Amino acid sequence: MRLTPAEEQALFERFTVELRDLDSKAPIQLSASVAWLVICQLNLALRHPQNTGPSAKAVRNLADDIAALLAQPGSAMEEVYKRGQRGE
């Protein structure tokens, strides 16, 4: 069943709150290099045309935040991330 834009936004907001609550339940530590590889693979999954729901939106935001934290402007890592977003 398709959600209206308002329903999708409400679901995204609830999902975001529940997702933040997970941090206190099951902390997971990753090295920066492993985190980088994960977001590169997420780029691939996020390009799927049917991957449009609340979790996809949250993952896009997370991946962008991690990329901004780890990749220096103008670096090869930043270029690889951007190319992945464009499907290259």
C-alpha atoms as a PDB file:
ATOM      1  CA  MET A   1       0.000   0.000   0.000  1.00  0.00           C
ATOM      2  CA  ARG A   2       1.394   3.389  -1.020  1.00  0.00           C
ATOM      3  CA  LEU A   3       1.674   6.047   1.648  1.00  0.00           C
ATOM      4  CA  THR A   4       0.701   9.634   1.161  1.00  0.00           C
ATOM      5  CA  PRO A   5       3.572  12.126   1.471  1.00  0.00           C
ATOM      6  CA  ALA A   6       2.312  13.109   4.937  1.00  0.00           C
ATOM      7  CA  GLU A   7       2.110   9.465   6.029  1.00  0.00           C
ATOM      8  CA  GLU A   8       5.581   8.788   4.672  1.00  0.00           C
ATOM      9  CA  GLN A   9       6.975  11.790   6.580  1.00  0.00           C
ATOM     10  CA  ALA A  10       5.267  10.673   9.798  1.00  0.00           C
ATOM     11  CA  LEU A  11       6.647   7.160   9.350  1.00  0.00           C
ATOM     12  CA  PHE A  12      10.122   8.554   8.696  1.00  0.00           C
ATOM     13  CA  GLU A  13       9.974  10.627  11.886  1.00  0.00           C
ATOM     14  CA  ARG A  14       8.862   7.640  13.991  1.00  0.00           C
ATOM     15  CA  PHE A  15      11.496   5.450  12.337  1.00  0.00           C
ATOM     16  CA  THR A  16      14.220   8.014  13.092  1.00  0.00           C
ATOM     17  CA  VAL A  17      13.298   8.105  16.789  1.00  0.00           C
ATOM     18  CA  GLU A  18      13.272   4.305  17.019  1.00  0.00           C
ATOM     19  CA  LEU A  19      16.562   4.093  15.140  1.00  0.00           C
ATOM     20  CA  ARG A  20      18.227   6.479  17.601  1.00  0.00           C
ATOM     21  CA  ASP A  21      16.957   4.337  20.470  1.00  0.00           C
ATOM     22  CA  LEU A  22      18.906   1.383  19.065  1.00  0.00           C
ATOM     23  CA  ASP A  23      22.181   3.118  19.875  1.00  0.00           C
ATOM     24  CA  SER A  24      21.704   2.517  23.572  1.00  0.00           C
ATOM     25  CA  LYS A  25      20.704  -1.126  23.044  1.00  0.00           C
ATOM     26  CA  ALA A  26      23.409  -2.460  20.760  1.00  0.00           C
ATOM     27  CA  PRO A  27      26.437  -0.240  20.198  1.00  0.00           C
ATOM     28  CA  ILE A  28      28.573  -1.394  17.283  1.00  0.00           C
ATOM     29  CA  GLN A  29      32.075  -0.151  16.629  1.00  0.00           C
ATOM     30  CA  LEU A  30      33.537  -0.038  13.137  1.00  0.00           C
ATOM     31  CA  SER A  31      36.871   1.165  11.943  1.00  0.00           C
ATOM     32  CA  ALA A  32      36.762   4.178   9.661  1.00  0.00           C
ATOM     33  CA  SER A  33      37.817   2.038   6.689  1.00  0.00           C
ATOM     34  CA  VAL A  34      35.041  -0.501   7.291  1.00  0.00           C
ATOM     35  CA  ALA A  35      32.487   2.290   7.740  1.00  0.00           C
ATOM     36  CA  TRP A  36      33.645   3.752   4.436  1.00  0.00           C
ATOM     37  CA  LEU A  37      33.227   0.446   2.612  1.00  0.00           C
ATOM     38  CA  VAL A  38      29.746   0.054   4.083  1.00  0.00           C
ATOM     39  CA  ILE A  39      28.603   3.461   2.836  1.00  0.00           C
ATOM     40  CA  CYS A  40      30.031   2.756  -0.612  1.00  0.00           C
ATOM     41  CA  GLN A  41      27.918  -0.396  -0.774  1.00  0.00           C
ATOM     42  CA  LEU A  42      24.922   1.505   0.550  1.00  0.00           C
ATOM     43  CA  ASN A  43      25.274   3.852  -2.416  1.00  0.00           C
ATOM     44  CA  LEU A  44      24.721   0.858  -4.671  1.00  0.00           C
ATOM     45  CA  ALA A  45      21.606  -0.251  -2.792  1.00  0.00           C
ATOM     46  CA  LEU A  46      20.229   3.280  -2.648  1.00  0.00           C
ATOM     47  CA  ARG A  47      20.291   3.591  -6.429  1.00  0.00           C
ATOM     48  CA  HIS A  48      17.644   0.885  -6.768  1.00  0.00           C
ATOM     49  CA  PRO A  49      14.518   2.645  -8.082  1.00  0.00           C
ATOM     50  CA  GLN A  50      12.210   0.923  -5.599  1.00  0.00           C
ATOM     51  CA  ASN A  51      14.370   1.766  -2.574  1.00  0.00           C
ATOM     52  CA  THR A  52      12.402   4.886  -1.632  1.00  0.00           C
ATOM     53  CA  GLY A  53      10.982   4.332   1.852  1.00  0.00           C
ATOM     54  CA  PRO A  54      11.803   5.834   5.230  1.00  0.00           C
ATOM     55  CA  SER A  55      14.795   3.574   5.828  1.00  0.00           C
ATOM     56  CA  ALA A  56      16.293   4.576   2.473  1.00  0.00           C
ATOM     57  CA  LYS A  57      15.926   8.245   3.366  1.00  0.00           C
ATOM     58  CA  ALA A  58      17.565   7.670   6.762  1.00  0.00           C
ATOM     59  CA  VAL A  59      20.413   5.676   5.207  1.00  0.00           C
ATOM     60  CA  ARG A  60      21.028   8.360   2.574  1.00  0.00           C
ATOM     61  CA  ASN A  61      21.333  10.959   5.329  1.00  0.00           C
ATOM     62  CA  LEU A  62      23.634   8.708   7.372  1.00  0.00           C
ATOM     63  CA  ALA A  63      25.843   7.876   4.396  1.00  0.00           C
ATOM     64  CA  ASP A  64      26.168  11.562   3.517  1.00  0.00           C
ATOM     65  CA  ASP A  65      27.075  12.404   7.110  1.00  0.00           C
ATOM     66  CA  ILE A  66      29.714   9.652   7.276  1.00  0.00           C
ATOM     67  CA  ALA A  67      31.160  10.668   3.912  1.00  0.00           C
ATOM     68  CA  ALA A  68      31.401  14.290   5.035  1.00  0.00           C
ATOM     69  CA  LEU A  69      33.155  13.192   8.222  1.00  0.00           C
ATOM     70  CA  LEU A  70      35.646  10.799   6.638  1.00  0.00           C
ATOM     71  CA  ALA A  71      36.410  12.213   3.198  1.00  0.00           C
ATOM     72  CA  GLN A  72      38.402  15.394   2.848  1.00  0.00           C
ATOM     73  CA  PRO A  73      37.113  17.823   0.202  1.00  0.00           C
ATOM     74  CA  GLY A  74      38.804  17.069  -3.114  1.00  0.00           C
ATOM     75  CA  SER A  75      40.072  13.664  -1.954  1.00  0.00           C
ATOM     76  CA  ALA A  76      39.870  10.443  -3.939  1.00  0.00           C
ATOM     77  CA  MET A  77      37.500   9.108  -1.269  1.00  0.00           C
ATOM     78  CA  GLU A  78      35.108  11.995  -1.832  1.00  0.00           C
ATOM     79  CA  GLU A  79      35.266  11.451  -5.590  1.00  0.00           C
ATOM     80  CA  VAL A  80      34.580   7.714  -5.228  1.00  0.00           C
ATOM     81  CA  TYR A  81      31.581   8.462  -3.005  1.00  0.00           C
ATOM     82  CA  LYS A  82      30.157  11.054  -5.406  1.00  0.00           C
ATOM     83  CA  ARG A  83      30.680   8.752  -8.380  1.00  0.00           C
ATOM     84  CA  GLY A  84      28.842   6.021  -6.510  1.00  0.00           C
ATOM     85  CA  GLN A  85      25.905   8.343  -5.929  1.00  0.00           C
ATOM     86  CA  ARG A  86      25.770   9.014  -9.667  1.00  0.00           C
ATOM     87  CA  GLY A  87      25.967   5.306 -10.509  1.00  0.00           C
ATOM     88  CA  GLU A  88      29.439   5.434 -12.027  1.00  0.00           C
END
